[in-house]
Amino acid sequence: MPEVELAAAADPDLDRARAAAPNAYSSLAEMLDAEKLDFVDIATRPDTHLPLVREAASRGLPVICQKPLAPTWAEAREIVRAAAGVPFMVHENWRWQPWFREVGARIARGEIGRPLTYGFRTRKRDGLGDAPYTAQPYFRQMPRLLIHETLIHHIDTARFLFGDVAEVYADTRRGNSGIAGEDMAYLLLTHQSGMLGAIDGNRYTEAGYYKPYADSPPLGEATFEGDGGMLTVLANGDLLRDGELVWKNAAQEGYRGDSVLATQRHFVSQLAAGGPFESGGDEYLKSVAVVEAAYRSRESRARIAIETLF
């Protein structure tokens, strides 16, 4: 991004920090003491987010912070409270995938008529065997895994497309006994409008119908149905309307449709303009609340109303 200079990085592993930026520090506090920065990008694991957000916000610095926002619902709320005095955005990139932005534009134009229901079917075959999740092995110890770490993306995208969620019903399974959390989940979401949607995910089968790539850019498929038609996101990112190709995915570089770049661009442009972020703290808590409700639903075997969490 030509309008942004990566000035400094902080990491307990100084070699990692040196590889990321011209000026390297072993702690965030040390970096902020030495540098004059316009914002801080927190790209660490969830359990470190609260103290880092507090440190940056206490110095009046805007923050963009990775998801999952925090290990627990209480800590997520505390992060948002800690950042209340500064511009704060959660790095949630799924809603910025170009096929979902195209779906949103077409629904807004009335191409499927009145939206009735939707379904996300998400898959990734990296959870099998004695050493699953080789790219992120700490997944193995997470007590909350699939919904907390992966399906939050689809929950947030559903909110982007269809508004806030009122109720959640969820069930989960753990297919790999060598991990702590769940690796299969089914979620039924009831939006405040009354619309119903389903999210079906696991981390041990593959979207094998998508060739030649083993890893589908959208991590599967999605359908969006209305009384005037249906939009389908294919596993390669192409978009069908009533079975006919209407939009072809041209994003072949970057993460999942170059959605990370789109997310960062949104943050920088809104920060410069003083405008609101799509995934600002209070707004993103509504997506985290759906995750929390899903786990409470699994434990109680009952629908959970989102309003009871606030």
C-alpha atoms as a PDB file:
ATOM      1  CA  MET A   1       0.000   0.000   0.000  1.00  0.00           C
ATOM      2  CA  PRO A   2       1.870   3.096  -1.194  1.00  0.00           C
ATOM      3  CA  GLU A   3       0.153   5.367   1.324  1.00  0.00           C
ATOM      4  CA  VAL A   4       1.410   3.305   4.289  1.00  0.00           C
ATOM      5  CA  GLU A   5       4.948   2.930   5.631  1.00  0.00           C
ATOM      6  CA  LEU A   6       5.684  -0.101   7.800  1.00  0.00           C
ATOM      7  CA  ALA A   7       7.949   1.730  10.250  1.00  0.00           C
ATOM      8  CA  ALA A   8       8.558  -0.707  13.100  1.00  0.00           C
ATOM      9  CA  ALA A   9       7.691  -4.126  14.490  1.00  0.00           C
ATOM     10  CA  ALA A  10       7.696  -5.613  17.978  1.00  0.00           C
ATOM     11  CA  ASP A  11       8.134  -9.290  18.804  1.00  0.00           C
ATOM     12  CA  PRO A  12       9.814 -11.167  21.676  1.00  0.00           C
ATOM     13  CA  ASP A  13      11.760 -12.883  18.868  1.00  0.00           C
ATOM     14  CA  LEU A  14      13.821  -9.960  17.558  1.00  0.00           C
ATOM     15  CA  ASP A  15      14.784 -11.815  14.394  1.00  0.00           C
ATOM     16  CA  ARG A  16      11.114 -12.022  13.480  1.00  0.00           C
ATOM     17  CA  ALA A  17      10.649  -8.330  14.152  1.00  0.00           C
ATOM     18  CA  ARG A  18      13.730  -7.468  12.061  1.00  0.00           C
ATOM     19  CA  ALA A  19      12.337  -9.505   9.169  1.00  0.00           C
ATOM     20  CA  ALA A  20       9.081  -7.529   9.277  1.00  0.00           C
ATOM     21  CA  ALA A  21      10.198  -3.898   9.533  1.00  0.00           C
ATOM     22  CA  PRO A  22      13.275  -1.639   9.478  1.00  0.00           C
ATOM     23  CA  ASN A  23      13.118  -0.916  13.219  1.00  0.00           C
ATOM     24  CA  ALA A  24      12.742  -3.872  15.588  1.00  0.00           C
ATOM     25  CA  TYR A  25      11.816  -4.038  19.265  1.00  0.00           C
ATOM     26  CA  SER A  26      11.262  -6.834  21.753  1.00  0.00           C
ATOM     27  CA  SER A  27       8.067  -5.342  23.254  1.00  0.00           C
ATOM     28  CA  LEU A  28       5.230  -3.076  22.236  1.00  0.00           C
ATOM     29  CA  ALA A  29       5.957  -0.648  25.080  1.00  0.00           C
ATOM     30  CA  GLU A  30       9.592  -0.313  23.971  1.00  0.00           C
ATOM     31  CA  MET A  31       8.494   0.326  20.395  1.00  0.00           C
ATOM     32  CA  LEU A  32       5.932   2.948  21.368  1.00  0.00           C
ATOM     33  CA  ASP A  33       8.474   4.715  23.589  1.00  0.00           C
ATOM     34  CA  ALA A  34      10.874   5.025  20.645  1.00  0.00           C
ATOM     35  CA  GLU A  35       8.608   5.530  17.613  1.00  0.00           C
ATOM     36  CA  LYS A  36       6.076   8.126  16.508  1.00  0.00           C
ATOM     37  CA  LEU A  37       3.366   5.988  14.882  1.00  0.00           C
ATOM     38  CA  ASP A  38      -0.021   6.682  13.335  1.00  0.00           C
ATOM     39  CA  PHE A  39      -1.542   3.332  14.300  1.00  0.00           C
ATOM     40  CA  VAL A  40      -0.703  -0.158  15.546  1.00  0.00           C
ATOM     41  CA  ASP A  41      -1.596  -3.439  13.830  1.00  0.00           C
ATOM     42  CA  ILE A  42      -1.875  -6.246  16.393  1.00  0.00           C
ATOM     43  CA  ALA A  43      -1.246  -9.506  14.541  1.00  0.00           C
ATOM     44  CA  THR A  44      -0.702 -11.889  17.460  1.00  0.00           C
ATOM     45  CA  ARG A  45      -2.563 -14.799  19.025  1.00  0.00           C
ATOM     46  CA  PRO A  46      -5.864 -14.066  20.795  1.00  0.00           C
ATOM     47  CA  ASP A  47      -4.612 -14.513  24.377  1.00  0.00           C
ATOM     48  CA  THR A  48      -2.201 -11.572  23.930  1.00  0.00           C
ATOM     49  CA  HIS A  49      -4.680  -9.065  22.500  1.00  0.00           C
ATOM     50  CA  LEU A  50      -6.034  -7.460  25.672  1.00  0.00           C
ATOM     51  CA  PRO A  51      -2.723  -6.195  27.129  1.00  0.00           C
ATOM     52  CA  LEU A  52      -1.519  -5.053  23.708  1.00  0.00           C
ATOM     53  CA  VAL A  53      -4.736  -3.158  22.936  1.00  0.00           C
ATOM     54  CA  ARG A  54      -4.591  -1.566  26.399  1.00  0.00           C
ATOM     55  CA  GLU A  55      -0.998  -0.456  25.837  1.00  0.00           C
ATOM     56  CA  ALA A  56      -1.668   1.108  22.447  1.00  0.00           C
ATOM     57  CA  ALA A  57      -4.988   2.692  23.447  1.00  0.00           C
ATOM     58  CA  SER A  58      -3.507   4.173  26.628  1.00  0.00           C
ATOM     59  CA  ARG A  59      -1.164   6.161  24.379  1.00  0.00           C
ATOM     60  CA  GLY A  60      -4.017   7.336  22.157  1.00  0.00           C
ATOM     61  CA  LEU A  61      -3.038   5.224  19.150  1.00  0.00           C
ATOM     62  CA  PRO A  62      -5.597   3.810  16.711  1.00  0.00           C
ATOM     63  CA  VAL A  63      -5.579  -0.001  16.542  1.00  0.00           C
ATOM     64  CA  ILE A  64      -6.470  -2.726  14.068  1.00  0.00           C
ATOM     65  CA  CYS A  65      -6.506  -6.122  15.803  1.00  0.00           C
ATOM     66  CA  GLN A  66      -6.627  -9.642  14.406  1.00  0.00           C
ATOM     67  CA  LYS A  67      -9.414 -12.128  15.056  1.00  0.00           C
ATOM     68  CA  PRO A  68     -10.338 -14.163  17.036  1.00  0.00           C
ATOM     69  CA  LEU A  69     -10.625 -11.056  19.183  1.00  0.00           C
ATOM     70  CA  ALA A  70     -10.114 -12.864  22.512  1.00  0.00           C
ATOM     71  CA  PRO A  71     -10.248 -16.342  24.068  1.00  0.00           C
ATOM     72  CA  THR A  72     -13.461 -15.540  25.975  1.00  0.00           C
ATOM     73  CA  TRP A  73     -16.582 -13.430  25.585  1.00  0.00           C
ATOM     74  CA  ALA A  74     -15.765 -11.452  28.741  1.00  0.00           C
ATOM     75  CA  GLU A  75     -12.278 -10.636  27.483  1.00  0.00           C
ATOM     76  CA  ALA A  76     -13.600  -9.607  24.061  1.00  0.00           C
ATOM     77  CA  ARG A  77     -15.918  -7.109  25.740  1.00  0.00           C
ATOM     78  CA  GLU A  78     -13.042  -5.823  27.877  1.00  0.00           C
ATOM     79  CA  ILE A  79     -10.911  -5.244  24.759  1.00  0.00           C
ATOM     80  CA  VAL A  80     -13.655  -3.142  23.201  1.00  0.00           C
ATOM     81  CA  ARG A  81     -14.004  -1.158  26.426  1.00  0.00           C
ATOM     82  CA  ALA A  82     -10.235  -0.624  26.586  1.00  0.00           C
ATOM     83  CA  ALA A  83     -10.216   0.706  23.015  1.00  0.00           C
ATOM     84  CA  ALA A  84     -13.253   2.955  23.416  1.00  0.00           C
ATOM     85  CA  GLY A  85     -11.213   6.154  23.308  1.00  0.00           C
ATOM     86  CA  VAL A  86      -9.369   5.472  20.043  1.00  0.00           C
ATOM     87  CA  PRO A  87     -10.299   4.370  16.501  1.00  0.00           C
ATOM     88  CA  PHE A  88     -10.462   0.572  16.750  1.00  0.00           C
ATOM     89  CA  MET A  89     -11.195  -2.079  14.126  1.00  0.00           C
ATOM     90  CA  VAL A  90     -11.062  -5.877  14.150  1.00  0.00           C
ATOM     91  CA  HIS A  91      -9.268  -7.396  11.161  1.00  0.00           C
ATOM     92  CA  GLU A  92     -12.171  -9.483   9.824  1.00  0.00           C
ATOM     93  CA  ASN A  93     -11.375 -10.185   6.176  1.00  0.00           C
ATOM     94  CA  TRP A  94     -14.035 -12.724   5.112  1.00  0.00           C
ATOM     95  CA  ARG A  95     -16.698 -10.096   4.370  1.00  0.00           C
ATOM     96  CA  TRP A  96     -14.102  -8.440   2.102  1.00  0.00           C
ATOM     97  CA  GLN A  97     -13.716 -11.465  -0.163  1.00  0.00           C
ATOM     98  CA  PRO A  98     -14.708 -10.174  -3.607  1.00  0.00           C
ATOM     99  CA  TRP A  99     -17.335 -12.866  -4.282  1.00  0.00           C
ATOM    100  CA  PHE A 100     -19.216 -11.940  -1.101  1.00  0.00           C
ATOM    101  CA  ARG A 101     -19.027  -8.225  -1.909  1.00  0.00           C
ATOM    102  CA  GLU A 102     -20.497  -9.101  -5.328  1.00  0.00           C
ATOM    103  CA  VAL A 103     -23.243 -11.167  -3.675  1.00  0.00           C
ATOM    104  CA  GLY A 104     -24.079  -8.230  -1.418  1.00  0.00           C
ATOM    105  CA  ALA A 105     -24.314  -5.819  -4.359  1.00  0.00           C
ATOM    106  CA  ARG A 106     -26.545  -8.168  -6.356  1.00  0.00           C
ATOM    107  CA  ILE A 107     -28.874  -8.814  -3.419  1.00  0.00           C
ATOM    108  CA  ALA A 108     -29.131  -5.054  -2.872  1.00  0.00           C
ATOM    109  CA  ARG A 109     -30.111  -4.655  -6.542  1.00  0.00           C
ATOM    110  CA  GLY A 110     -32.922  -7.162  -6.060  1.00  0.00           C
ATOM    111  CA  GLU A 111     -31.500  -9.965  -8.214  1.00  0.00           C
ATOM    112  CA  ILE A 112     -32.907 -12.704  -5.983  1.00  0.00           C
ATOM    113  CA  GLY A 113     -35.984 -10.777  -4.888  1.00  0.00           C
ATOM    114  CA  ARG A 114     -36.801 -10.994  -1.195  1.00  0.00           C
ATOM    115  CA  PRO A 115     -34.021 -12.982   0.532  1.00  0.00           C
ATOM    116  CA  LEU A 116     -35.366 -16.110   2.216  1.00  0.00           C
ATOM    117  CA  THR A 117     -32.465 -18.264   3.362  1.00  0.00           C
ATOM    118  CA  TYR A 118     -28.742 -18.947   2.922  1.00  0.00           C
ATOM    119  CA  GLY A 119     -26.219 -21.673   3.567  1.00  0.00           C
ATOM    120  CA  PHE A 120     -22.440 -21.768   3.999  1.00  0.00           C
ATOM    121  CA  ARG A 121     -20.704 -25.121   3.527  1.00  0.00           C
ATOM    122  CA  THR A 122     -17.092 -24.712   4.655  1.00  0.00           C
ATOM    123  CA  ARG A 123     -14.367 -27.342   4.469  1.00  0.00           C
ATOM    124  CA  LYS A 124     -10.605 -27.668   4.939  1.00  0.00           C
ATOM    125  CA  ARG A 125      -8.762 -30.989   5.161  1.00  0.00           C
ATOM    126  CA  ASP A 126      -6.063 -30.032   7.651  1.00  0.00           C
ATOM    127  CA  GLY A 127      -7.460 -31.516  10.869  1.00  0.00           C
ATOM    128  CA  LEU A 128      -6.621 -35.198  10.341  1.00  0.00           C
ATOM    129  CA  GLY A 129      -3.981 -37.393  11.955  1.00  0.00           C
ATOM    130  CA  ASP A 130      -1.728 -37.164  14.977  1.00  0.00           C
ATOM    131  CA  ALA A 131      -0.272 -33.770  13.988  1.00  0.00           C
ATOM    132  CA  PRO A 132      -3.148 -31.725  12.530  1.00  0.00           C
ATOM    133  CA  TYR A 133      -3.086 -28.018  11.657  1.00  0.00           C
ATOM    134  CA  THR A 134       0.577 -27.951  10.684  1.00  0.00           C
ATOM    135  CA  ALA A 135       0.344 -24.293   9.623  1.00  0.00           C
ATOM    136  CA  GLN A 136      -1.068 -23.279  13.028  1.00  0.00           C
ATOM    137  CA  PRO A 137      -0.310 -26.143  15.444  1.00  0.00           C
ATOM    138  CA  TYR A 138      -1.577 -24.177  18.452  1.00  0.00           C
ATOM    139  CA  PHE A 139      -5.068 -24.949  17.118  1.00  0.00           C
ATOM    140  CA  ARG A 140      -4.667 -28.390  18.704  1.00  0.00           C
ATOM    141  CA  GLN A 141      -4.841 -26.960  22.234  1.00  0.00           C
ATOM    142  CA  MET A 142      -7.687 -24.491  21.691  1.00  0.00           C
ATOM    143  CA  PRO A 143     -10.702 -25.568  23.814  1.00  0.00           C
ATOM    144  CA  ARG A 144     -12.944 -23.724  21.353  1.00  0.00           C
ATOM    145  CA  LEU A 145     -11.806 -24.266  17.799  1.00  0.00           C
ATOM    146  CA  LEU A 146     -14.002 -24.454  14.700  1.00  0.00           C
ATOM    147  CA  ILE A 147     -16.711 -21.924  15.569  1.00  0.00           C
ATOM    148  CA  HIS A 148     -14.355 -19.626  17.475  1.00  0.00           C
ATOM    149  CA  GLU A 149     -11.550 -19.602  14.936  1.00  0.00           C
ATOM    150  CA  THR A 150     -13.138 -20.351  11.526  1.00  0.00           C
ATOM    151  CA  LEU A 151     -16.916 -20.030  11.480  1.00  0.00           C
ATOM    152  CA  ILE A 152     -16.762 -16.553  13.028  1.00  0.00           C
ATOM    153  CA  HIS A 153     -15.865 -15.531   9.451  1.00  0.00           C
ATOM    154  CA  HIS A 154     -19.115 -16.897   8.040  1.00  0.00           C
ATOM    155  CA  ILE A 155     -21.156 -15.509  10.945  1.00  0.00           C
ATOM    156  CA  ASP A 156     -19.757 -12.051  10.312  1.00  0.00           C
ATOM    157  CA  THR A 157     -20.345 -12.349   6.555  1.00  0.00           C
ATOM    158  CA  ALA A 158     -23.959 -13.359   7.199  1.00  0.00           C
ATOM    159  CA  ARG A 159     -24.375 -10.272   9.376  1.00  0.00           C
ATOM    160  CA  PHE A 160     -22.828  -8.122   6.632  1.00  0.00           C
ATOM    161  CA  LEU A 161     -25.308  -9.482   4.092  1.00  0.00           C
ATOM    162  CA  PHE A 162     -28.478  -9.888   6.145  1.00  0.00           C
ATOM    163  CA  GLY A 163     -28.209  -7.874   9.342  1.00  0.00           C
ATOM    164  CA  ASP A 164     -27.943  -8.786  12.984  1.00  0.00           C
ATOM    165  CA  VAL A 165     -28.698 -12.220  14.425  1.00  0.00           C
ATOM    166  CA  ALA A 166     -31.423 -12.706  17.027  1.00  0.00           C
ATOM    167  CA  GLU A 167     -31.064 -16.401  17.966  1.00  0.00           C
ATOM    168  CA  VAL A 168     -28.627 -19.286  17.494  1.00  0.00           C
ATOM    169  CA  TYR A 169     -28.957 -23.047  17.706  1.00  0.00           C
ATOM    170  CA  ALA A 170     -25.762 -25.103  17.405  1.00  0.00           C
ATOM    171  CA  ASP A 171     -24.377 -28.609  17.675  1.00  0.00           C
ATOM    172  CA  THR A 172     -20.747 -29.726  17.417  1.00  0.00           C
ATOM    173  CA  ARG A 173     -18.552 -32.810  17.203  1.00  0.00           C
ATOM    174  CA  ARG A 174     -14.859 -33.576  17.622  1.00  0.00           C
ATOM    175  CA  GLY A 175     -13.697 -35.981  14.923  1.00  0.00           C
ATOM    176  CA  ASN A 176     -10.017 -35.944  15.888  1.00  0.00           C
ATOM    177  CA  SER A 177      -9.621 -37.154  19.480  1.00  0.00           C
ATOM    178  CA  GLY A 178      -6.115 -35.695  19.625  1.00  0.00           C
ATOM    179  CA  ILE A 179      -7.308 -32.087  19.794  1.00  0.00           C
ATOM    180  CA  ALA A 180      -9.037 -30.142  22.552  1.00  0.00           C
ATOM    181  CA  GLY A 181     -11.800 -28.385  20.640  1.00  0.00           C
ATOM    182  CA  GLU A 182     -14.534 -29.132  18.115  1.00  0.00           C
ATOM    183  CA  ASP A 183     -13.757 -29.708  14.428  1.00  0.00           C
ATOM    184  CA  MET A 184     -17.333 -30.089  13.128  1.00  0.00           C
ATOM    185  CA  ALA A 185     -20.276 -27.768  13.700  1.00  0.00           C
ATOM    186  CA  TYR A 186     -23.760 -27.027  12.418  1.00  0.00           C
ATOM    187  CA  LEU A 187     -25.287 -23.631  13.206  1.00  0.00           C
ATOM    188  CA  LEU A 188     -28.815 -22.374  12.585  1.00  0.00           C
ATOM    189  CA  LEU A 189     -29.012 -18.582  12.702  1.00  0.00           C
ATOM    190  CA  THR A 190     -32.247 -16.620  13.008  1.00  0.00           C
ATOM    191  CA  HIS A 191     -31.759 -12.990  12.003  1.00  0.00           C
ATOM    192  CA  GLN A 192     -33.687 -10.125  13.531  1.00  0.00           C
ATOM    193  CA  SER A 193     -35.604  -9.900  10.252  1.00  0.00           C
ATOM    194  CA  GLY A 194     -36.797 -13.484  10.775  1.00  0.00           C
ATOM    195  CA  MET A 195     -34.580 -14.846   8.017  1.00  0.00           C
ATOM    196  CA  LEU A 196     -33.023 -18.270   8.591  1.00  0.00           C
ATOM    197  CA  GLY A 197     -29.504 -19.319   7.600  1.00  0.00           C
ATOM    198  CA  ALA A 198     -27.267 -22.363   8.137  1.00  0.00           C
ATOM    199  CA  ILE A 199     -23.513 -22.750   8.551  1.00  0.00           C
ATOM    200  CA  ASP A 200     -22.070 -26.251   8.133  1.00  0.00           C
ATOM    201  CA  GLY A 201     -18.344 -26.697   8.687  1.00  0.00           C
ATOM    202  CA  ASN A 202     -15.582 -29.176   9.412  1.00  0.00           C
ATOM    203  CA  ARG A 203     -11.787 -29.376   9.220  1.00  0.00           C
ATOM    204  CA  TYR A 204     -11.336 -32.980   8.096  1.00  0.00           C
ATOM    205  CA  THR A 205     -12.983 -33.339   4.718  1.00  0.00           C
ATOM    206  CA  GLU A 206     -12.057 -31.404   1.584  1.00  0.00           C
ATOM    207  CA  ALA A 207     -13.844 -29.451  -1.097  1.00  0.00           C
ATOM    208  CA  GLY A 208     -12.539 -32.125  -3.455  1.00  0.00           C
ATOM    209  CA  TYR A 209     -14.851 -31.063  -6.263  1.00  0.00           C
ATOM    210  CA  TYR A 210     -12.682 -27.927  -6.668  1.00  0.00           C
ATOM    211  CA  LYS A 211      -9.729 -28.712  -8.951  1.00  0.00           C
ATOM    212  CA  PRO A 212      -6.858 -28.133  -9.606  1.00  0.00           C
ATOM    213  CA  TYR A 213      -6.498 -26.486  -6.194  1.00  0.00           C
ATOM    214  CA  ALA A 214      -6.725 -28.452  -2.964  1.00  0.00           C
ATOM    215  CA  ASP A 215      -7.640 -25.329  -0.987  1.00  0.00           C
ATOM    216  CA  SER A 216     -10.837 -23.585  -2.090  1.00  0.00           C
ATOM    217  CA  PRO A 217     -10.532 -19.769  -1.836  1.00  0.00           C
ATOM    218  CA  PRO A 218     -13.923 -19.439  -0.062  1.00  0.00           C
ATOM    219  CA  LEU A 219     -13.242 -22.674   1.908  1.00  0.00           C
ATOM    220  CA  GLY A 220     -16.235 -24.315   0.271  1.00  0.00           C
ATOM    221  CA  GLU A 221     -19.478 -23.053  -1.238  1.00  0.00           C
ATOM    222  CA  ALA A 222     -22.395 -20.818  -0.307  1.00  0.00           C
ATOM    223  CA  THR A 223     -25.965 -20.340  -1.528  1.00  0.00           C
ATOM    224  CA  PHE A 224     -28.269 -17.355  -1.110  1.00  0.00           C
ATOM    225  CA  GLU A 225     -31.923 -17.911  -1.992  1.00  0.00           C
ATOM    226  CA  GLY A 226     -34.758 -15.466  -2.478  1.00  0.00           C
ATOM    227  CA  ASP A 227     -38.267 -15.543  -3.884  1.00  0.00           C
ATOM    228  CA  GLY A 228     -36.847 -14.258  -7.189  1.00  0.00           C
ATOM    229  CA  GLY A 229     -33.751 -16.406  -7.662  1.00  0.00           C
ATOM    230  CA  MET A 230     -30.626 -17.950  -6.159  1.00  0.00           C
ATOM    231  CA  LEU A 231     -26.958 -16.946  -6.061  1.00  0.00           C
ATOM    232  CA  THR A 232     -24.308 -19.631  -5.591  1.00  0.00           C
ATOM    233  CA  VAL A 233     -20.673 -19.011  -4.721  1.00  0.00           C
ATOM    234  CA  LEU A 234     -18.683 -21.929  -6.118  1.00  0.00           C
ATOM    235  CA  ALA A 235     -15.612 -23.391  -4.461  1.00  0.00           C
ATOM    236  CA  ASN A 236     -13.355 -21.505  -6.909  1.00  0.00           C
ATOM    237  CA  GLY A 237     -14.973 -18.147  -6.104  1.00  0.00           C
ATOM    238  CA  ASP A 238     -17.101 -17.906  -9.270  1.00  0.00           C
ATOM    239  CA  LEU A 239     -20.709 -16.786  -8.880  1.00  0.00           C
ATOM    240  CA  LEU A 240     -23.821 -18.338 -10.441  1.00  0.00           C
ATOM    241  CA  ARG A 241     -27.320 -16.906 -10.650  1.00  0.00           C
ATOM    242  CA  ASP A 242     -29.909 -19.633 -11.096  1.00  0.00           C
ATOM    243  CA  GLY A 243     -27.173 -21.938 -12.394  1.00  0.00           C
ATOM    244  CA  GLU A 244     -25.709 -19.487 -14.936  1.00  0.00           C
ATOM    245  CA  LEU A 245     -22.246 -17.968 -14.518  1.00  0.00           C
ATOM    246  CA  VAL A 246     -22.663 -14.225 -13.892  1.00  0.00           C
ATOM    247  CA  TRP A 247     -19.338 -13.279 -12.280  1.00  0.00           C
ATOM    248  CA  LYS A 248     -15.920 -14.895 -12.579  1.00  0.00           C
ATOM    249  CA  ASN A 249     -13.345 -14.743  -9.825  1.00  0.00           C
ATOM    250  CA  ALA A 250     -10.299 -12.907 -11.195  1.00  0.00           C
ATOM    251  CA  ALA A 251      -8.374 -12.722  -7.880  1.00  0.00           C
ATOM    252  CA  GLN A 252      -5.575 -15.247  -8.162  1.00  0.00           C
ATOM    253  CA  GLU A 253      -3.075 -13.647  -5.770  1.00  0.00           C
ATOM    254  CA  GLY A 254      -3.212 -12.687  -2.124  1.00  0.00           C
ATOM    255  CA  TYR A 255      -5.141 -14.355   0.674  1.00  0.00           C
ATOM    256  CA  ARG A 256      -8.580 -15.663  -0.339  1.00  0.00           C
ATOM    257  CA  GLY A 257      -9.418 -13.153  -3.035  1.00  0.00           C
ATOM    258  CA  ASP A 258      -6.875 -10.640  -1.704  1.00  0.00           C
ATOM    259  CA  SER A 259      -9.286  -9.946   1.130  1.00  0.00           C
ATOM    260  CA  VAL A 260      -6.531  -9.050   3.602  1.00  0.00           C
ATOM    261  CA  LEU A 261      -5.454  -6.170   1.366  1.00  0.00           C
ATOM    262  CA  ALA A 262      -9.076  -5.035   1.002  1.00  0.00           C
ATOM    263  CA  THR A 263      -9.523  -5.120   4.790  1.00  0.00           C
ATOM    264  CA  GLN A 264      -6.373  -3.106   5.417  1.00  0.00           C
ATOM    265  CA  ARG A 265      -7.347  -0.597   2.743  1.00  0.00           C
ATOM    266  CA  HIS A 266     -10.699  -0.100   4.433  1.00  0.00           C
ATOM    267  CA  PHE A 267      -8.976   0.516   7.768  1.00  0.00           C
ATOM    268  CA  VAL A 268      -6.485   3.031   6.361  1.00  0.00           C
ATOM    269  CA  SER A 269      -9.019   4.924   4.235  1.00  0.00           C
ATOM    270  CA  GLN A 270     -11.548   5.203   7.074  1.00  0.00           C
ATOM    271  CA  LEU A 271      -8.836   6.172   9.538  1.00  0.00           C
ATOM    272  CA  ALA A 272      -7.693   8.977   7.220  1.00  0.00           C
ATOM    273  CA  ALA A 273     -11.266  10.126   6.610  1.00  0.00           C
ATOM    274  CA  GLY A 274     -12.403   9.797  10.218  1.00  0.00           C
ATOM    275  CA  GLY A 275     -15.221   7.489   9.149  1.00  0.00           C
ATOM    276  CA  PRO A 276     -16.679   4.370  10.808  1.00  0.00           C
ATOM    277  CA  PHE A 277     -15.199   0.908  10.319  1.00  0.00           C
ATOM    278  CA  GLU A 278     -17.395  -1.958   9.120  1.00  0.00           C
ATOM    279  CA  SER A 279     -15.894  -4.144  11.851  1.00  0.00           C
ATOM    280  CA  GLY A 280     -15.404  -1.580  14.596  1.00  0.00           C
ATOM    281  CA  GLY A 281     -15.325  -2.808  18.176  1.00  0.00           C
ATOM    282  CA  ASP A 282     -18.970  -2.496  19.189  1.00  0.00           C
ATOM    283  CA  GLU A 283     -20.125  -3.723  15.790  1.00  0.00           C
ATOM    284  CA  TYR A 284     -17.828  -6.759  15.769  1.00  0.00           C
ATOM    285  CA  LEU A 285     -18.923  -7.740  19.271  1.00  0.00           C
ATOM    286  CA  LYS A 286     -22.266  -8.624  17.656  1.00  0.00           C
ATOM    287  CA  SER A 287     -20.473 -11.329  15.646  1.00  0.00           C
ATOM    288  CA  VAL A 288     -18.498 -12.533  18.678  1.00  0.00           C
ATOM    289  CA  ALA A 289     -21.796 -12.727  20.580  1.00  0.00           C
ATOM    290  CA  VAL A 290     -23.116 -15.205  18.004  1.00  0.00           C
ATOM    291  CA  VAL A 291     -20.048 -17.372  18.609  1.00  0.00           C
ATOM    292  CA  GLU A 292     -20.614 -17.261  22.368  1.00  0.00           C
ATOM    293  CA  ALA A 293     -24.302 -18.058  21.890  1.00  0.00           C
ATOM    294  CA  ALA A 294     -23.404 -21.039  19.705  1.00  0.00           C
ATOM    295  CA  TYR A 295     -21.282 -22.599  22.460  1.00  0.00           C
ATOM    296  CA  ARG A 296     -23.955 -21.920  25.068  1.00  0.00           C
ATOM    297  CA  SER A 297     -26.504 -23.516  22.743  1.00  0.00           C
ATOM    298  CA  ARG A 298     -24.352 -26.614  22.385  1.00  0.00           C
ATOM    299  CA  GLU A 299     -24.094 -26.965  26.170  1.00  0.00           C
ATOM    300  CA  SER A 300     -27.768 -26.345  26.879  1.00  0.00           C
ATOM    301  CA  ARG A 301     -29.228 -28.004  23.755  1.00  0.00           C
ATOM    302  CA  ALA A 302     -31.429 -24.942  23.339  1.00  0.00           C
ATOM    303  CA  ARG A 303     -31.782 -21.827  21.218  1.00  0.00           C
ATOM    304  CA  ILE A 304     -29.897 -18.881  22.676  1.00  0.00           C
ATOM    305  CA  ALA A 305     -31.103 -15.308  22.220  1.00  0.00           C
ATOM    306  CA  ILE A 306     -28.277 -12.872  21.478  1.00  0.00           C
ATOM    307  CA  GLU A 307     -29.866 -10.138  23.571  1.00  0.00           C
ATOM    308  CA  THR A 308     -29.300 -12.214  26.724  1.00  0.00           C
ATOM    309  CA  LEU A 309     -25.522 -11.865  26.325  1.00  0.00           C
ATOM    310  CA  PHE A 310     -25.416  -8.071  26.620  1.00  0.00           C
END
